[in-house]
Amino acid sequence: MHPKRSKKHVSSHLMTQGVSLAVVGGVLVMVSVVLGSNTSQVVKTVAGAMRTPAPYALGIGALLAVVGWLLRPSPEPGPGRRNSEPIWFPADSTDFARSAVQVEPESPANPMRRIRPPSPTWSLQVFDDIEWKRFEMLCAHLFEQAGFEARTQSHGADGGVDIWLHSRNAEGPVAIVQCKHWLGRSVGVKELRELLGVMAANKVARGTFVTTSRFSEEAETFAKDNGIHLLDCSGLLALVAKRTPEQQQELLEHAYQGEYWRPTCASCGLKMVERTARKGGTAFWGCAAYPRCRFTLPMRAAA
């Protein structure tokens, strides 16, 4: 009993047979034309006999080639190059392969990433559980509870501003907020200097930098000298603790709403999908809109 042929094998076989048959048909046409000019009646008879099957060979060959081409397997997506500045996301230090990938089935029986149950109370686990865009939206909600109108952008280049804060008593934004969902990496002077430049460009006197991580000593000094308000993971928890119990619960529910753990594509705003690089088998996040969008993010190891 012959083993079942793959779709790729069948497609290749049909295309090869079709091209070969079309070539034979072409040769028959050319030979019949050459022999037909001969004065010998016998040769002309042979030429006529060769001319009869030529169109069939050409037609059937072309048909087989087209069918084989239509049956070819679709090319598998690859992680490609990132089309914007990488977003820091907790990940393995190992660089994932930029080669052809396969999408793994998302099922509880074969998870690519272990999802911990939501934290029942506010703790550092909340920041560790949620994705970068959910963190931005959570910060916006936190400022809204303080009476500001917080305006965010769903995706694309943000110009160094994640949240614009507006007040009912003033025209235009009164402050800008930059958020960094970083775990295990401190925010340095470079990031604060960029925020200060955006503040100056937009003529906004107040700026806040929020992170799930920490700030370096140099960054804290720079912020103090330039009037930038800093909120690290401890500062965020302290700010949440000042809210009423009802507000704290509202923030917690907002954090864990929907697929809170699945990152959002920074380029097009879609939720990303779990993929695996064929070389090395390293897991990473790829945009669901591939190949139109090739944005990728590394994935941290399962806890």
C-alpha atoms as a PDB file:
ATOM      1  CA  MET A   1       0.000   0.000   0.000  1.00  0.00           C
ATOM      2  CA  HIS A   2       1.531   3.310  -1.069  1.00  0.00           C
ATOM      3  CA  PRO A   3       1.894   6.015   1.583  1.00  0.00           C
ATOM      4  CA  LYS A   4      -0.337   9.030   1.214  1.00  0.00           C
ATOM      5  CA  ARG A   5       1.309  11.714  -0.848  1.00  0.00           C
ATOM      6  CA  SER A   6       1.575  15.208   0.561  1.00  0.00           C
ATOM      7  CA  LYS A   7      -0.115  18.161  -1.066  1.00  0.00           C
ATOM      8  CA  LYS A   8       3.279  19.605  -1.938  1.00  0.00           C
ATOM      9  CA  HIS A   9       4.343  16.356  -3.648  1.00  0.00           C
ATOM     10  CA  VAL A  10       1.142  16.091  -5.710  1.00  0.00           C
ATOM     11  CA  SER A  11       1.430  19.715  -6.800  1.00  0.00           C
ATOM     12  CA  SER A  12       5.054  19.301  -7.847  1.00  0.00           C
ATOM     13  CA  HIS A  13       4.289  16.067  -9.730  1.00  0.00           C
ATOM     14  CA  LEU A  14       1.387  17.579 -11.665  1.00  0.00           C
ATOM     15  CA  MET A  15       3.376  20.671 -12.621  1.00  0.00           C
ATOM     16  CA  THR A  16       6.332  18.544 -13.792  1.00  0.00           C
ATOM     17  CA  GLN A  17       4.110  16.236 -15.849  1.00  0.00           C
ATOM     18  CA  GLY A  18       2.208  19.153 -17.307  1.00  0.00           C
ATOM     19  CA  VAL A  19       5.340  21.007 -18.403  1.00  0.00           C
ATOM     20  CA  SER A  20       6.817  17.824 -19.884  1.00  0.00           C
ATOM     21  CA  LEU A  21       3.648  17.083 -21.863  1.00  0.00           C
ATOM     22  CA  ALA A  22       3.461  20.673 -23.120  1.00  0.00           C
ATOM     23  CA  VAL A  23       7.078  20.449 -24.304  1.00  0.00           C
ATOM     24  CA  VAL A  24       6.310  17.221 -26.178  1.00  0.00           C
ATOM     25  CA  GLY A  25       3.347  18.928 -27.832  1.00  0.00           C
ATOM     26  CA  GLY A  26       5.511  21.848 -28.862  1.00  0.00           C
ATOM     27  CA  VAL A  27       8.146  19.543 -30.332  1.00  0.00           C
ATOM     28  CA  LEU A  28       5.479  17.675 -32.320  1.00  0.00           C
ATOM     29  CA  VAL A  29       4.201  20.944 -33.780  1.00  0.00           C
ATOM     30  CA  MET A  30       7.667  22.101 -34.828  1.00  0.00           C
ATOM     31  CA  VAL A  31       8.660  18.727 -36.320  1.00  0.00           C
ATOM     32  CA  SER A  32       5.360  18.438 -38.236  1.00  0.00           C
ATOM     33  CA  VAL A  33       5.884  21.901 -39.708  1.00  0.00           C
ATOM     34  CA  VAL A  34       9.405  21.015 -40.865  1.00  0.00           C
ATOM     35  CA  LEU A  35       8.378  17.657 -42.319  1.00  0.00           C
ATOM     36  CA  GLY A  36       5.298  19.148 -43.973  1.00  0.00           C
ATOM     37  CA  SER A  37       7.482  21.179 -46.315  1.00  0.00           C
ATOM     38  CA  ASN A  38       9.014  17.976 -47.716  1.00  0.00           C
ATOM     39  CA  THR A  39       7.908  16.917 -51.192  1.00  0.00           C
ATOM     40  CA  SER A  40       7.684  13.250 -50.286  1.00  0.00           C
ATOM     41  CA  GLN A  41       4.113  12.075 -49.792  1.00  0.00           C
ATOM     42  CA  VAL A  42       5.211   9.590 -47.142  1.00  0.00           C
ATOM     43  CA  VAL A  43       6.937  12.285 -45.115  1.00  0.00           C
ATOM     44  CA  LYS A  44       3.911  14.545 -45.403  1.00  0.00           C
ATOM     45  CA  THR A  45       1.704  11.727 -44.123  1.00  0.00           C
ATOM     46  CA  VAL A  46       3.975  11.285 -41.081  1.00  0.00           C
ATOM     47  CA  ALA A  47       3.922  15.047 -40.504  1.00  0.00           C
ATOM     48  CA  GLY A  48       0.137  15.033 -40.565  1.00  0.00           C
ATOM     49  CA  ALA A  49       0.020  12.144 -38.090  1.00  0.00           C
ATOM     50  CA  MET A  50       2.324  14.052 -35.721  1.00  0.00           C
ATOM     51  CA  ARG A  51       0.317  17.257 -36.069  1.00  0.00           C
ATOM     52  CA  THR A  52      -2.914  15.584 -34.862  1.00  0.00           C
ATOM     53  CA  PRO A  53      -1.911  14.820 -31.187  1.00  0.00           C
ATOM     54  CA  ALA A  54       0.145  18.010 -30.788  1.00  0.00           C
ATOM     55  CA  PRO A  55      -2.772  20.310 -29.704  1.00  0.00           C
ATOM     56  CA  TYR A  56      -3.985  17.676 -27.229  1.00  0.00           C
ATOM     57  CA  ALA A  57      -0.528  17.365 -25.687  1.00  0.00           C
ATOM     58  CA  LEU A  58      -0.228  21.138 -25.415  1.00  0.00           C
ATOM     59  CA  GLY A  59      -3.717  21.550 -23.911  1.00  0.00           C
ATOM     60  CA  ILE A  60      -3.493  18.676 -21.426  1.00  0.00           C
ATOM     61  CA  GLY A  61       0.015  19.722 -20.401  1.00  0.00           C
ATOM     62  CA  ALA A  62      -1.049  23.284 -19.766  1.00  0.00           C
ATOM     63  CA  LEU A  63      -4.067  22.069 -17.787  1.00  0.00           C
ATOM     64  CA  LEU A  64      -1.953  19.795 -15.568  1.00  0.00           C
ATOM     65  CA  ALA A  65       0.549  22.596 -14.924  1.00  0.00           C
ATOM     66  CA  VAL A  66      -2.207  25.021 -13.913  1.00  0.00           C
ATOM     67  CA  VAL A  67      -3.864  22.451 -11.617  1.00  0.00           C
ATOM     68  CA  GLY A  68      -0.522  21.678  -9.999  1.00  0.00           C
ATOM     69  CA  TRP A  69       0.136  25.385  -9.467  1.00  0.00           C
ATOM     70  CA  LEU A  70      -3.297  25.881  -7.864  1.00  0.00           C
ATOM     71  CA  LEU A  71      -2.735  22.924  -5.521  1.00  0.00           C
ATOM     72  CA  ARG A  72       0.602  24.187  -4.259  1.00  0.00           C
ATOM     73  CA  PRO A  73       0.688  24.679  -0.458  1.00  0.00           C
ATOM     74  CA  SER A  74       0.518  28.246   0.827  1.00  0.00           C
ATOM     75  CA  PRO A  75       3.854  29.634   2.049  1.00  0.00           C
ATOM     76  CA  GLU A  76       4.098  29.579   5.814  1.00  0.00           C
ATOM     77  CA  PRO A  77       4.491  32.927   7.573  1.00  0.00           C
ATOM     78  CA  GLY A  78       7.717  34.022   9.165  1.00  0.00           C
ATOM     79  CA  PRO A  79       8.320  36.522  11.912  1.00  0.00           C
ATOM     80  CA  GLY A  80       9.965  38.933   9.504  1.00  0.00           C
ATOM     81  CA  ARG A  81      11.469  42.229  10.545  1.00  0.00           C
ATOM     82  CA  ARG A  82       9.849  44.607  12.928  1.00  0.00           C
ATOM     83  CA  ASN A  83       8.456  47.663  11.223  1.00  0.00           C
ATOM     84  CA  SER A  84       8.796  49.942  14.196  1.00  0.00           C
ATOM     85  CA  GLU A  85      10.927  50.359  17.282  1.00  0.00           C
ATOM     86  CA  PRO A  86      10.688  47.214  19.426  1.00  0.00           C
ATOM     87  CA  ILE A  87       8.485  47.377  22.497  1.00  0.00           C
ATOM     88  CA  TRP A  88      10.094  45.919  25.593  1.00  0.00           C
ATOM     89  CA  PHE A  89       8.223  42.829  26.698  1.00  0.00           C
ATOM     90  CA  PRO A  90       9.406  40.261  29.237  1.00  0.00           C
ATOM     91  CA  ALA A  91      11.266  37.632  27.274  1.00  0.00           C
ATOM     92  CA  ASP A  92      14.021  35.063  27.238  1.00  0.00           C
ATOM     93  CA  SER A  93      17.491  36.428  26.623  1.00  0.00           C
ATOM     94  CA  THR A  94      17.761  34.044  23.671  1.00  0.00           C
ATOM     95  CA  ASP A  95      17.157  35.785  20.365  1.00  0.00           C
ATOM     96  CA  PHE A  96      14.322  34.115  18.491  1.00  0.00           C
ATOM     97  CA  ALA A  97      14.951  32.890  14.974  1.00  0.00           C
ATOM     98  CA  ARG A  98      13.787  35.044  12.096  1.00  0.00           C
ATOM     99  CA  SER A  99      12.847  32.097   9.898  1.00  0.00           C
ATOM    100  CA  ALA A 100       9.713  30.287   8.737  1.00  0.00           C
ATOM    101  CA  VAL A 101       7.345  29.566  11.591  1.00  0.00           C
ATOM    102  CA  GLN A 102       4.384  27.400  12.404  1.00  0.00           C
ATOM    103  CA  VAL A 103       1.338  28.424  14.403  1.00  0.00           C
ATOM    104  CA  GLU A 104       0.849  26.231  17.430  1.00  0.00           C
ATOM    105  CA  PRO A 105      -2.661  25.193  18.477  1.00  0.00           C
ATOM    106  CA  GLU A 106      -3.944  27.236  21.403  1.00  0.00           C
ATOM    107  CA  SER A 107      -5.404  24.707  23.778  1.00  0.00           C
ATOM    108  CA  PRO A 108      -5.204  24.077  27.510  1.00  0.00           C
ATOM    109  CA  ALA A 109      -3.619  20.721  26.741  1.00  0.00           C
ATOM    110  CA  ASN A 110      -0.716  22.293  24.869  1.00  0.00           C
ATOM    111  CA  PRO A 111      -0.219  25.845  26.156  1.00  0.00           C
ATOM    112  CA  MET A 112       2.712  27.848  24.877  1.00  0.00           C
ATOM    113  CA  ARG A 113       2.474  30.156  27.853  1.00  0.00           C
ATOM    114  CA  ARG A 114       1.148  29.362  31.290  1.00  0.00           C
ATOM    115  CA  ILE A 115      -1.537  31.807  32.308  1.00  0.00           C
ATOM    116  CA  ARG A 116      -1.678  32.376  36.036  1.00  0.00           C
ATOM    117  CA  PRO A 117      -5.056  33.024  37.618  1.00  0.00           C
ATOM    118  CA  PRO A 118      -5.813  36.739  38.170  1.00  0.00           C
ATOM    119  CA  SER A 119      -4.581  38.225  41.417  1.00  0.00           C
ATOM    120  CA  PRO A 120      -7.477  38.658  43.890  1.00  0.00           C
ATOM    121  CA  THR A 121      -5.920  41.859  45.259  1.00  0.00           C
ATOM    122  CA  TRP A 122      -3.593  44.563  44.062  1.00  0.00           C
ATOM    123  CA  SER A 123       0.037  43.426  43.981  1.00  0.00           C
ATOM    124  CA  LEU A 124       3.066  43.403  41.707  1.00  0.00           C
ATOM    125  CA  GLN A 125       1.615  40.279  40.088  1.00  0.00           C
ATOM    126  CA  VAL A 126      -0.996  42.427  38.332  1.00  0.00           C
ATOM    127  CA  PHE A 127       1.696  44.310  36.388  1.00  0.00           C
ATOM    128  CA  ASP A 128       3.443  41.041  35.613  1.00  0.00           C
ATOM    129  CA  ASP A 129       0.241  39.432  34.290  1.00  0.00           C
ATOM    130  CA  ILE A 130      -1.046  42.110  31.930  1.00  0.00           C
ATOM    131  CA  GLU A 131       0.264  43.093  28.502  1.00  0.00           C
ATOM    132  CA  TRP A 132       1.780  46.466  27.600  1.00  0.00           C
ATOM    133  CA  LYS A 133      -1.351  48.018  26.045  1.00  0.00           C
ATOM    134  CA  ARG A 134      -3.538  46.914  28.942  1.00  0.00           C
ATOM    135  CA  PHE A 135      -1.030  48.623  31.245  1.00  0.00           C
ATOM    136  CA  GLU A 136      -1.410  51.890  29.297  1.00  0.00           C
ATOM    137  CA  MET A 137      -5.197  51.683  29.497  1.00  0.00           C
ATOM    138  CA  LEU A 138      -4.999  50.912  33.208  1.00  0.00           C
ATOM    139  CA  CYS A 139      -2.872  54.021  33.779  1.00  0.00           C
ATOM    140  CA  ALA A 140      -5.369  56.099  31.794  1.00  0.00           C
ATOM    141  CA  HIS A 141      -8.196  54.755  33.948  1.00  0.00           C
ATOM    142  CA  LEU A 142      -6.224  55.580  37.073  1.00  0.00           C
ATOM    143  CA  PHE A 143      -5.850  59.207  35.979  1.00  0.00           C
ATOM    144  CA  GLU A 144      -9.519  59.384  35.041  1.00  0.00           C
ATOM    145  CA  GLN A 145     -10.403  58.442  38.604  1.00  0.00           C
ATOM    146  CA  ALA A 146      -8.404  61.504  39.652  1.00  0.00           C
ATOM    147  CA  GLY A 147     -10.662  63.743  37.559  1.00  0.00           C
ATOM    148  CA  PHE A 148      -8.660  64.035  34.333  1.00  0.00           C
ATOM    149  CA  GLU A 149      -9.852  63.292  30.840  1.00  0.00           C
ATOM    150  CA  ALA A 150      -7.318  60.778  29.537  1.00  0.00           C
ATOM    151  CA  ARG A 151      -6.916  60.398  25.791  1.00  0.00           C
ATOM    152  CA  THR A 152      -4.950  57.482  24.383  1.00  0.00           C
ATOM    153  CA  GLN A 153      -4.052  56.141  20.966  1.00  0.00           C
ATOM    154  CA  SER A 154      -4.923  52.570  19.969  1.00  0.00           C
ATOM    155  CA  HIS A 155      -1.823  51.902  17.851  1.00  0.00           C
ATOM    156  CA  GLY A 156       0.815  53.400  15.589  1.00  0.00           C
ATOM    157  CA  ALA A 157       3.471  55.987  16.312  1.00  0.00           C
ATOM    158  CA  ASP A 158       2.554  57.944  19.429  1.00  0.00           C
ATOM    159  CA  GLY A 159       5.155  60.694  19.153  1.00  0.00           C
ATOM    160  CA  GLY A 160       6.466  59.909  22.630  1.00  0.00           C
ATOM    161  CA  VAL A 161       3.077  60.380  24.312  1.00  0.00           C
ATOM    162  CA  ASP A 162       0.967  57.452  25.503  1.00  0.00           C
ATOM    163  CA  ILE A 163      -1.665  59.463  27.405  1.00  0.00           C
ATOM    164  CA  TRP A 164      -2.785  63.088  27.020  1.00  0.00           C
ATOM    165  CA  LEU A 165      -4.336  64.474  30.187  1.00  0.00           C
ATOM    166  CA  HIS A 166      -6.972  67.188  29.838  1.00  0.00           C
ATOM    167  CA  SER A 167      -8.728  69.249  32.484  1.00  0.00           C
ATOM    168  CA  ARG A 168     -12.200  70.797  32.368  1.00  0.00           C
ATOM    169  CA  ASN A 169     -10.726  74.117  33.477  1.00  0.00           C
ATOM    170  CA  ALA A 170      -8.078  74.453  30.783  1.00  0.00           C
ATOM    171  CA  GLU A 171      -7.801  74.382  27.011  1.00  0.00           C
ATOM    172  CA  GLY A 172      -5.536  71.784  25.493  1.00  0.00           C
ATOM    173  CA  PRO A 173      -3.597  69.097  27.354  1.00  0.00           C
ATOM    174  CA  VAL A 174      -2.355  69.972  30.841  1.00  0.00           C
ATOM    175  CA  ALA A 175       0.060  67.037  31.086  1.00  0.00           C
ATOM    176  CA  ILE A 176       1.426  64.124  29.109  1.00  0.00           C
ATOM    177  CA  VAL A 177       2.167  60.617  30.311  1.00  0.00           C
ATOM    178  CA  GLN A 178       4.668  58.101  28.985  1.00  0.00           C
ATOM    179  CA  CYS A 179       4.206  54.445  30.014  1.00  0.00           C
ATOM    180  CA  LYS A 180       6.750  51.636  29.897  1.00  0.00           C
ATOM    181  CA  HIS A 181       5.657  48.101  30.662  1.00  0.00           C
ATOM    182  CA  TRP A 182       9.135  46.881  31.530  1.00  0.00           C
ATOM    183  CA  LEU A 183       9.953  44.034  33.888  1.00  0.00           C
ATOM    184  CA  GLY A 184      13.524  43.543  35.019  1.00  0.00           C
ATOM    185  CA  ARG A 185      14.858  46.612  33.218  1.00  0.00           C
ATOM    186  CA  SER A 186      15.267  50.055  34.789  1.00  0.00           C
ATOM    187  CA  VAL A 187      14.231  53.262  33.059  1.00  0.00           C
ATOM    188  CA  GLY A 188      17.228  55.511  32.477  1.00  0.00           C
ATOM    189  CA  VAL A 189      17.975  59.137  31.665  1.00  0.00           C
ATOM    190  CA  LYS A 190      17.608  58.540  27.921  1.00  0.00           C
ATOM    191  CA  GLU A 191      13.877  57.839  28.203  1.00  0.00           C
ATOM    192  CA  LEU A 192      13.267  60.827  30.494  1.00  0.00           C
ATOM    193  CA  ARG A 193      15.229  63.127  28.223  1.00  0.00           C
ATOM    194  CA  GLU A 194      13.008  62.059  25.343  1.00  0.00           C
ATOM    195  CA  LEU A 195       9.903  62.806  27.420  1.00  0.00           C
ATOM    196  CA  LEU A 196      11.276  66.266  28.296  1.00  0.00           C
ATOM    197  CA  GLY A 197      11.791  66.945  24.585  1.00  0.00           C
ATOM    198  CA  VAL A 198       8.194  65.983  23.814  1.00  0.00           C
ATOM    199  CA  MET A 199       6.961  68.238  26.627  1.00  0.00           C
ATOM    200  CA  ALA A 200       8.913  71.176  25.198  1.00  0.00           C
ATOM    201  CA  ALA A 201       7.731  70.469  21.641  1.00  0.00           C
ATOM    202  CA  ASN A 202       4.085  70.425  22.751  1.00  0.00           C
ATOM    203  CA  LYS A 203       4.515  73.312  25.220  1.00  0.00           C
ATOM    204  CA  VAL A 204       3.251  71.195  28.109  1.00  0.00           C
ATOM    205  CA  ALA A 205       4.771  71.990  31.508  1.00  0.00           C
ATOM    206  CA  ARG A 206       3.795  68.788  33.310  1.00  0.00           C
ATOM    207  CA  GLY A 207       4.963  65.314  32.450  1.00  0.00           C
ATOM    208  CA  THR A 208       4.662  61.947  34.172  1.00  0.00           C
ATOM    209  CA  PHE A 209       6.670  58.811  33.459  1.00  0.00           C
ATOM    210  CA  VAL A 210       5.033  55.567  34.594  1.00  0.00           C
ATOM    211  CA  THR A 211       6.692  52.162  34.597  1.00  0.00           C
ATOM    212  CA  THR A 212       6.152  48.691  36.017  1.00  0.00           C
ATOM    213  CA  SER A 213       9.890  48.629  36.698  1.00  0.00           C
ATOM    214  CA  ARG A 214      12.264  51.021  38.506  1.00  0.00           C
ATOM    215  CA  PHE A 215      14.157  54.201  37.687  1.00  0.00           C
ATOM    216  CA  SER A 216      17.923  54.509  37.813  1.00  0.00           C
ATOM    217  CA  GLU A 217      19.464  56.980  40.275  1.00  0.00           C
ATOM    218  CA  GLU A 218      20.542  59.204  37.396  1.00  0.00           C
ATOM    219  CA  ALA A 219      16.986  59.159  36.022  1.00  0.00           C
ATOM    220  CA  GLU A 220      15.552  60.166  39.399  1.00  0.00           C
ATOM    221  CA  THR A 221      17.994  63.082  39.617  1.00  0.00           C
ATOM    222  CA  PHE A 222      17.177  64.187  36.063  1.00  0.00           C
ATOM    223  CA  ALA A 223      13.435  64.029  36.762  1.00  0.00           C
ATOM    224  CA  LYS A 224      13.787  66.097  39.933  1.00  0.00           C
ATOM    225  CA  ASP A 225      15.820  68.764  38.136  1.00  0.00           C
ATOM    226  CA  ASN A 226      13.331  69.021  35.269  1.00  0.00           C
ATOM    227  CA  GLY A 227       9.999  68.726  37.081  1.00  0.00           C
ATOM    228  CA  ILE A 228       9.046  65.279  35.755  1.00  0.00           C
ATOM    229  CA  HIS A 229       6.833  63.186  38.002  1.00  0.00           C
ATOM    230  CA  LEU A 230       7.938  59.544  38.332  1.00  0.00           C
ATOM    231  CA  LEU A 231       5.759  56.544  39.144  1.00  0.00           C
ATOM    232  CA  ASP A 232       7.445  53.170  39.437  1.00  0.00           C
ATOM    233  CA  CYS A 233       5.821  49.867  40.428  1.00  0.00           C
ATOM    234  CA  SER A 234       5.836  50.770  44.148  1.00  0.00           C
ATOM    235  CA  GLY A 235       4.531  54.263  43.441  1.00  0.00           C
ATOM    236  CA  LEU A 236       1.721  52.840  41.322  1.00  0.00           C
ATOM    237  CA  LEU A 237       0.648  50.443  44.089  1.00  0.00           C
ATOM    238  CA  ALA A 238       0.740  53.307  46.589  1.00  0.00           C
ATOM    239  CA  LEU A 239      -1.416  55.448  44.282  1.00  0.00           C
ATOM    240  CA  VAL A 240      -3.921  52.619  43.825  1.00  0.00           C
ATOM    241  CA  ALA A 241      -4.053  52.175  47.620  1.00  0.00           C
ATOM    242  CA  LYS A 242      -5.289  55.772  47.933  1.00  0.00           C
ATOM    243  CA  ARG A 243      -8.392  54.963  45.890  1.00  0.00           C
ATOM    244  CA  THR A 244     -11.607  53.806  47.543  1.00  0.00           C
ATOM    245  CA  PRO A 245     -12.157  50.026  47.810  1.00  0.00           C
ATOM    246  CA  GLU A 246     -14.731  50.290  45.043  1.00  0.00           C
ATOM    247  CA  GLN A 247     -12.296  52.130  42.784  1.00  0.00           C
ATOM    248  CA  GLN A 248      -9.532  49.617  43.516  1.00  0.00           C
ATOM    249  CA  GLN A 249     -11.827  46.762  42.571  1.00  0.00           C
ATOM    250  CA  GLU A 250     -12.848  48.599  39.397  1.00  0.00           C
ATOM    251  CA  LEU A 251      -9.181  49.001  38.435  1.00  0.00           C
ATOM    252  CA  LEU A 252      -8.502  45.342  39.140  1.00  0.00           C
ATOM    253  CA  GLU A 253     -11.422  44.221  36.980  1.00  0.00           C
ATOM    254  CA  HIS A 254     -10.259  46.576  34.230  1.00  0.00           C
ATOM    255  CA  ALA A 255      -6.769  45.058  34.372  1.00  0.00           C
ATOM    256  CA  TYR A 256      -8.006  41.484  33.977  1.00  0.00           C
ATOM    257  CA  GLN A 257     -10.720  42.086  31.417  1.00  0.00           C
ATOM    258  CA  GLY A 258     -10.644  39.874  28.319  1.00  0.00           C
ATOM    259  CA  GLU A 259      -7.329  38.531  27.050  1.00  0.00           C
ATOM    260  CA  TYR A 260      -5.310  40.727  29.393  1.00  0.00           C
ATOM    261  CA  TRP A 261      -2.178  38.619  28.871  1.00  0.00           C
ATOM    262  CA  ARG A 262      -2.109  38.591  25.070  1.00  0.00           C
ATOM    263  CA  PRO A 263      -0.044  41.532  23.724  1.00  0.00           C
ATOM    264  CA  THR A 264      -1.425  44.044  21.251  1.00  0.00           C
ATOM    265  CA  CYS A 265       0.359  44.780  17.989  1.00  0.00           C
ATOM    266  CA  ALA A 266       1.873  48.241  18.305  1.00  0.00           C
ATOM    267  CA  SER A 267       1.659  48.708  14.541  1.00  0.00           C
ATOM    268  CA  CYS A 268      -1.990  47.891  13.763  1.00  0.00           C
ATOM    269  CA  GLY A 269      -3.694  47.446  17.148  1.00  0.00           C
ATOM    270  CA  LEU A 270      -4.720  43.795  16.712  1.00  0.00           C
ATOM    271  CA  LYS A 271      -4.177  41.106  19.326  1.00  0.00           C
ATOM    272  CA  MET A 272      -1.108  39.044  18.496  1.00  0.00           C
ATOM    273  CA  VAL A 273      -0.949  35.268  18.045  1.00  0.00           C
ATOM    274  CA  GLU A 274       1.456  32.684  19.420  1.00  0.00           C
ATOM    275  CA  ARG A 275       3.969  31.334  16.931  1.00  0.00           C
ATOM    276  CA  THR A 276       7.060  29.130  17.024  1.00  0.00           C
ATOM    277  CA  ALA A 277      10.246  29.568  15.002  1.00  0.00           C
ATOM    278  CA  ARG A 278      11.111  26.395  13.087  1.00  0.00           C
ATOM    279  CA  LYS A 279      14.805  26.842  13.774  1.00  0.00           C
ATOM    280  CA  GLY A 280      15.288  26.429  17.479  1.00  0.00           C
ATOM    281  CA  GLY A 281      11.588  26.174  18.307  1.00  0.00           C
ATOM    282  CA  THR A 282      11.579  29.476  20.196  1.00  0.00           C
ATOM    283  CA  ALA A 283       8.120  30.900  20.875  1.00  0.00           C
ATOM    284  CA  PHE A 284       7.284  34.497  19.983  1.00  0.00           C
ATOM    285  CA  TRP A 285       4.313  36.757  19.331  1.00  0.00           C
ATOM    286  CA  GLY A 286       3.372  37.566  15.741  1.00  0.00           C
ATOM    287  CA  CYS A 287       0.741  39.948  14.418  1.00  0.00           C
ATOM    288  CA  ALA A 288      -2.543  38.287  13.441  1.00  0.00           C
ATOM    289  CA  ALA A 289      -2.547  40.384  10.258  1.00  0.00           C
ATOM    290  CA  TYR A 290       0.597  38.736   8.839  1.00  0.00           C
ATOM    291  CA  PRO A 291       1.817  39.132   6.106  1.00  0.00           C
ATOM    292  CA  ARG A 292       0.274  42.599   5.851  1.00  0.00           C
ATOM    293  CA  CYS A 293       1.800  43.433   9.234  1.00  0.00           C
ATOM    294  CA  ARG A 294       5.116  41.853  10.253  1.00  0.00           C
ATOM    295  CA  PHE A 295       5.376  43.260  13.764  1.00  0.00           C
ATOM    296  CA  THR A 296       6.710  40.713  16.278  1.00  0.00           C
ATOM    297  CA  LEU A 297       7.443  40.582  19.986  1.00  0.00           C
ATOM    298  CA  PRO A 298       9.508  38.109  21.990  1.00  0.00           C
ATOM    299  CA  MET A 299       7.702  35.902  24.477  1.00  0.00           C
ATOM    300  CA  ARG A 300       8.910  35.230  27.971  1.00  0.00           C
ATOM    301  CA  ALA A 301       9.374  31.710  29.176  1.00  0.00           C
ATOM    302  CA  ALA A 302       6.504  29.987  30.943  1.00  0.00           C
ATOM    303  CA  ALA A 303       6.610  30.483  34.677  1.00  0.00           C
END
